[in-house]
Each structure stands twice: as C-alpha cells, then as structure tokens.
Protein backbone atom coordinates (compact mmCIF):
# COMPACT_ATOMS: atom_id res chain seq x y z
CA MET A 1 0.00 0.00 0.00
CA ARG A 2 2.82 2.32 0.86
CA ILE A 3 4.32 1.88 -2.59
CA GLY A 4 0.99 2.66 -4.26
CA LEU A 5 0.61 5.84 -2.23
CA ASP A 6 4.11 6.97 -3.12
CA SER A 7 3.46 6.26 -6.79
CA LYS A 8 0.27 8.29 -6.68
CA TRP A 9 2.04 11.30 -5.22
CA LEU A 10 4.91 10.84 -7.65
CA LEU A 11 2.50 10.98 -10.62
CA MET A 12 0.82 14.07 -9.18
CA LEU A 13 4.23 15.72 -8.86
CA VAL A 14 5.17 14.84 -12.46
CA PHE A 15 1.96 16.32 -13.87
CA ALA A 16 2.35 19.39 -11.69
CA VAL A 17 5.72 20.29 -13.17
CA LEU A 18 4.86 19.39 -16.77
CA PRO A 19 3.97 22.43 -18.93
CA VAL A 20 0.26 22.72 -19.71
CA ARG A 21 -0.35 22.26 -23.42
CA ALA A 22 -2.33 25.17 -24.83
CA GLU A 23 -5.40 24.55 -26.97
CA GLU A 24 -4.49 25.98 -30.36
CA VAL A 25 -6.81 27.76 -32.79
CA VAL A 26 -5.39 28.19 -36.29
CA VAL A 27 -6.55 31.31 -38.12
CA SER A 28 -5.92 31.79 -41.85
CA ALA A 29 -6.40 35.48 -42.52
CA ALA A 30 -6.00 37.99 -45.36
CA ALA A 31 -2.53 39.55 -45.48
CA SER A 32 -3.84 43.07 -44.87
CA LEU A 33 -4.88 41.99 -41.36
CA THR A 34 -1.36 40.94 -40.32
CA ASN A 35 -0.46 43.76 -37.94
CA ALA A 36 -3.90 44.23 -36.43
CA PHE A 37 -4.67 40.53 -35.98
CA LYS A 38 -1.38 39.81 -34.24
CA GLU A 39 -2.44 42.26 -31.54
CA VAL A 40 -5.99 40.88 -31.53
CA GLY A 41 -4.59 37.37 -31.07
CA THR A 42 -2.51 38.41 -28.07
CA ALA A 43 -5.56 40.07 -26.50
CA PHE A 44 -7.69 36.97 -27.14
CA GLU A 45 -5.15 34.68 -25.47
CA LYS A 46 -5.40 36.78 -22.30
CA THR A 47 -9.14 36.10 -22.11
CA GLN A 48 -8.90 32.35 -22.73
CA ALA A 49 -7.09 30.09 -20.28
CA GLU A 50 -4.65 27.75 -22.03
CA ALA A 51 -5.55 29.09 -25.50
CA LYS A 52 -3.06 29.86 -28.25
CA VAL A 53 -3.71 31.56 -31.58
CA THR A 54 -1.58 30.59 -34.57
CA PHE A 55 -1.93 32.79 -37.65
CA ASN A 56 -1.36 32.07 -41.31
CA PHE A 57 -1.38 35.29 -43.35
CA ALA A 58 -1.54 35.36 -47.15
CA ALA A 59 -3.80 36.44 -50.00
CA SER A 60 -7.36 35.18 -49.59
CA GLY A 61 -7.26 32.99 -52.72
CA PRO A 62 -4.24 30.89 -51.73
CA LEU A 63 -5.61 30.57 -48.18
CA LEU A 64 -8.83 29.12 -49.57
CA GLN A 65 -6.86 26.72 -51.73
CA GLN A 66 -4.87 25.56 -48.68
CA ILE A 67 -8.08 24.84 -46.78
CA GLU A 68 -9.50 23.00 -49.78
CA ASN A 69 -6.36 20.87 -49.87
CA GLY A 70 -6.79 19.84 -46.24
CA ALA A 71 -4.78 22.37 -44.26
CA PRO A 72 -5.70 22.14 -40.55
CA VAL A 73 -7.43 25.52 -40.19
CA ASP A 74 -10.10 26.53 -37.68
CA VAL A 75 -11.02 30.07 -38.79
CA PHE A 76 -10.95 31.60 -42.26
CA VAL A 77 -10.87 35.36 -42.84
CA SER A 78 -10.98 36.82 -46.35
CA ALA A 79 -10.70 40.37 -47.65
CA ASP A 80 -13.73 40.01 -49.90
CA GLN A 81 -17.12 38.38 -50.10
CA GLU A 82 -16.31 36.52 -53.32
CA THR A 83 -13.67 34.29 -51.74
CA MET A 84 -15.81 33.52 -48.71
CA ASN A 85 -18.76 32.76 -51.00
CA ALA A 86 -16.54 30.25 -52.83
CA ALA A 87 -15.55 28.65 -49.53
CA GLU A 88 -19.19 28.38 -48.50
CA LYS A 89 -20.23 26.94 -51.86
CA LYS A 90 -17.56 24.24 -51.47
CA GLN A 91 -18.83 23.54 -47.94
CA LEU A 92 -15.46 24.51 -46.46
CA THR A 93 -16.98 26.86 -43.88
CA ILE A 94 -19.96 26.78 -41.52
CA PRO A 95 -22.43 29.34 -42.94
CA ALA A 96 -24.10 30.06 -39.59
CA THR A 97 -20.78 31.33 -38.17
CA ARG A 98 -20.10 33.80 -40.99
CA ARG A 99 -19.89 37.45 -39.96
CA ASN A 100 -18.74 40.71 -41.57
CA PHE A 101 -16.49 42.46 -39.05
CA VAL A 102 -14.55 45.33 -40.71
CA SER A 103 -14.29 47.35 -43.90
CA ASN A 104 -11.38 48.98 -45.69
CA GLN A 105 -10.64 51.38 -48.55
CA LEU A 106 -8.60 51.08 -51.72
CA VAL A 107 -5.86 53.67 -52.18
CA LEU A 108 -3.40 54.53 -54.94
CA VAL A 109 0.14 54.86 -53.64
CA GLN A 110 3.52 55.75 -55.07
CA PRO A 111 7.12 55.75 -53.77
CA LYS A 112 8.10 58.75 -51.66
CA ALA A 113 10.83 59.59 -54.16
CA GLY A 114 8.61 59.17 -57.23
CA SER A 115 7.40 61.89 -59.55
CA PRO A 116 4.17 63.23 -58.00
CA LEU A 117 0.95 61.81 -59.37
CA LYS A 118 -2.23 63.86 -59.13
CA GLY A 119 -4.73 61.05 -59.41
CA ILE A 120 -5.70 57.76 -60.99
CA GLY A 121 -5.94 59.37 -64.44
CA ASP A 122 -2.16 59.91 -64.42
CA LEU A 123 -1.67 56.16 -64.75
CA ALA A 124 -2.39 56.58 -68.45
CA ASN A 125 0.77 58.68 -68.83
CA ASP A 126 3.78 57.05 -70.52
CA THR A 127 5.99 58.17 -67.61
CA VAL A 128 4.26 55.61 -65.39
CA ARG A 129 5.98 52.44 -66.59
CA ARG A 130 5.22 49.90 -63.85
CA ILE A 131 2.04 49.60 -61.80
CA ALA A 132 1.74 46.96 -59.08
CA ILE A 133 -1.61 45.35 -58.34
CA GLY A 134 -2.64 42.14 -56.62
CA ASN A 135 -3.16 39.29 -59.06
CA PRO A 136 -6.91 39.53 -59.82
CA ALA A 137 -7.12 35.76 -60.13
CA SER A 138 -6.33 35.16 -56.48
CA VAL A 139 -5.94 38.45 -54.59
CA PRO A 140 -9.05 40.45 -53.59
CA VAL A 141 -7.30 43.83 -53.77
CA GLY A 142 -6.40 42.97 -57.36
CA ARG A 143 -10.04 42.33 -58.23
CA TYR A 144 -11.10 45.60 -56.62
CA THR A 145 -8.34 47.36 -58.57
CA ARG A 146 -9.29 45.82 -61.91
CA GLU A 147 -12.93 46.78 -61.40
CA VAL A 148 -11.93 50.39 -60.71
CA LEU A 149 -9.63 50.60 -63.72
CA GLN A 150 -12.29 49.08 -65.95
CA ALA A 151 -14.88 51.54 -64.67
CA GLU A 152 -12.45 54.41 -65.36
CA ARG A 153 -11.72 52.96 -68.82
CA LEU A 154 -8.05 52.70 -67.96
CA TRP A 155 -7.63 48.93 -67.84
CA ASP A 156 -6.67 48.43 -71.49
CA SER A 157 -3.94 51.08 -71.36
CA VAL A 158 -2.68 50.07 -67.92
CA GLN A 159 -2.69 46.28 -68.29
CA PRO A 160 0.56 45.99 -70.33
CA ARG A 161 2.39 47.81 -67.53
CA VAL A 162 0.86 45.85 -64.66
CA ILE A 163 3.11 43.93 -62.28
CA ASN A 164 1.02 41.22 -60.61
CA ALA A 165 1.72 40.57 -56.94
CA ASP A 166 0.87 37.55 -54.79
CA SER A 167 -0.66 39.65 -52.00
CA VAL A 168 -1.44 43.23 -51.05
CA ARG A 169 1.66 43.28 -48.85
CA GLN A 170 3.81 42.37 -51.84
CA VAL A 171 2.29 45.31 -53.74
CA LEU A 172 3.20 47.53 -50.79
CA ASP A 173 6.77 46.18 -50.79
CA TYR A 174 7.18 46.85 -54.52
CA VAL A 175 6.08 50.46 -54.04
CA ALA A 176 8.08 51.00 -50.83
CA ARG A 177 11.26 49.77 -52.52
CA GLY A 178 10.68 51.97 -55.56
CA GLU A 179 10.49 48.97 -57.89
CA VAL A 180 7.27 50.30 -59.44
CA ASP A 181 5.92 53.77 -60.12
CA ALA A 182 2.57 53.18 -58.44
CA GLY A 183 0.41 50.53 -56.83
CA PHE A 184 -2.98 49.83 -55.33
CA VAL A 185 -3.23 48.74 -51.69
CA TYR A 186 -5.66 49.12 -48.82
CA ALA A 187 -5.60 52.25 -46.68
CA THR A 188 -4.53 50.16 -43.69
CA ASP A 189 -1.48 48.87 -45.56
CA ALA A 190 -0.42 52.35 -46.68
CA ALA A 191 -0.72 53.51 -43.05
CA ILE A 192 2.10 51.22 -41.90
CA ALA A 193 4.54 52.47 -44.56
CA THR A 194 4.10 56.25 -44.43
CA GLU A 195 7.88 56.79 -44.43
CA LYS A 196 8.27 55.04 -47.78
CA VAL A 197 5.02 55.53 -49.70
CA THR A 198 2.75 58.46 -50.48
CA VAL A 199 -0.99 58.09 -50.79
CA VAL A 200 -2.06 59.71 -54.06
CA GLY A 201 -5.73 59.33 -53.21
CA THR A 202 -8.53 57.15 -51.91
CA ILE A 203 -10.25 55.23 -54.70
CA SER A 204 -13.99 54.58 -54.69
CA THR A 205 -14.70 50.93 -55.49
CA PRO A 206 -17.82 49.61 -57.25
CA ARG A 207 -18.23 47.16 -54.35
CA PRO A 208 -17.48 47.94 -50.69
CA VAL A 209 -14.34 46.34 -49.27
CA VAL A 210 -15.85 44.27 -46.45
CA TYR A 211 -14.11 41.41 -44.62
CA PRO A 212 -16.02 38.25 -43.61
CA ILE A 213 -14.91 35.66 -41.03
CA ALA A 214 -16.18 32.09 -40.50
CA VAL A 215 -15.38 28.78 -38.82
CA VAL A 216 -13.88 26.16 -41.13
CA SER A 217 -16.13 23.10 -41.42
CA THR A 218 -13.32 20.62 -40.71
CA SER A 219 -12.22 22.39 -37.51
CA ARG A 220 -11.73 20.16 -34.49
CA ARG A 221 -11.94 23.15 -32.18
CA THR A 222 -15.26 24.62 -33.23
CA LYS A 223 -16.09 26.12 -29.84
CA LEU A 224 -12.71 27.83 -29.55
CA ALA A 225 -13.01 29.03 -33.16
CA GLU A 226 -16.44 30.48 -32.41
CA SER A 227 -15.01 32.14 -29.29
CA PHE A 228 -12.31 33.77 -31.41
CA ILE A 229 -14.91 35.13 -33.84
CA ALA A 230 -17.01 36.42 -30.95
CA PHE A 231 -13.93 38.20 -29.60
CA VAL A 232 -13.16 39.75 -33.00
CA LEU A 233 -16.69 41.19 -33.01
CA ALA A 234 -16.45 42.43 -29.41
CA PRO A 235 -15.47 46.02 -28.40
CA GLU A 236 -11.87 45.24 -27.36
CA ALA A 237 -10.87 43.69 -30.70
CA GLN A 238 -12.88 46.23 -32.66
CA SER A 239 -10.97 49.00 -30.89
CA ILE A 240 -7.68 47.40 -31.92
CA LEU A 241 -8.86 47.11 -35.52
CA ARG A 242 -9.92 50.78 -35.54
CA LYS A 243 -6.47 51.72 -34.30
CA TYR A 244 -5.00 50.14 -37.43
CA GLY A 245 -7.41 52.02 -39.69
CA PHE A 246 -10.16 49.47 -40.26
CA ALA A 247 -13.73 50.75 -40.17
CA LYS A 248 -17.10 49.27 -39.36
CA PRO A 249 -18.50 46.92 -42.04
C-alpha cells in the first residue's frame, strides 16, 4: 500500500511540473490583417485560459486553396465576399458562423521619391511604366483594382504595364522599394509604410471592401473558433482594428 501511495504522489508531482499544453486555434487570414490581428490574437489569449492563436497570413485565394487541400485551419478570414462565397459553396466553412467584421478602402500609392501623381488618371501617362496590383485571379485587392480601372476605362492602357503581386503586402513592398511607379493597396497597408510611400488618393470601389470571417467546417476546435470570432466582433478587438485604420463593415 505504501508503494501505491508513493506512486500516486509521484504521478501528481510529475503532472504538476509538466507544462500545460495550450489549446491551439489556427486562423488563416487575409494579409492586410497581419499587424492588427497579431495584436488581436494576443488580447484573445489573455481572455482564454490555455488558448493559443496561430496565424497564417496570405492572400485570400491561396488561403482558400490551402483549406481545400486539407490544411488544418479553424477560422478563415478573407478580404472580400467573393472568396468567402466560394468557400461556403464548397462547404469549407460553416455558414451560420459567418460574420462581416470590418471594412477597408482602396488607395493609390507611389514611392516617396517618385514623380508626383495627381490622381488615378495619371496612370495613363507614358511616364508611369510599372504599376503593381494584386493578381486579380487570387488576390481580392487585385479584383477591386481591376474593377476600378475598368470603370475608369483605364484597364486596357494600364494592363501591359501591370506587375502582378501575390498579396497586397507584396504590392506595398514593390512600391516602398521603388520597384514600381505606383500601386494599389488598402488604406490600412499604406498607413504602416508612411515613411516610404505616399498616398495619391482614396479610390472609390464599385463594391465595398468588407471582410467576412467564419469557422472552417473541418475544424476540431469549433467552440474555440467560435469564441475567437465572438472576440473579434467584441469592443476590445474592434478598438484594436480601428487603431490600425479598419472601419465598421
């Protein structure tokens, strides 16, 4: 009996000193949310005992493709309705959990050292040789950009000079490094690179730039995923998102 008692206390001691394994929620989110969501994730972890948020940031299209190919993701966040609609149609998300939580604006930017542009119409000038946009096939900001340029009847003249980027952050990098003469990003992206890029102007888009969020249907941590979404919609996270320039949906 004495040995059994000692063994019991020994096991209790072992488990007491072992680190507690956090319950992880994996969030695949649009690249433009990188800075804001990192802070949101830290704030969420403080409200959830033993919870850990792991982020995967990229363009919405590739993120959807990863989920479709079986990536272990709990929450999907896209920068447009079209990508989330595709996820829902393929039954990759739980429709009842879908929420719109922020909005953004499209802006035209140029390098700080570039020749000043007055507006979007200047993109038709021969002096503007390279224009960075997100790849319309997979990057929401690219689709918004193409729609604007088509509406302004500039797409045909601009297209031969377009440099396609894999994400909005890559567009921002191209402009910040002076590798292109202009580019289209979200206002929130331009706000984190004010020392290297100049905002030429805010561009009105045919469709509002609204971000949806939803639980992935294959998630094994549905309750935790739903808790994360609830936190994103709550005042504390919304305040963080406002700080980074996002607006109400």
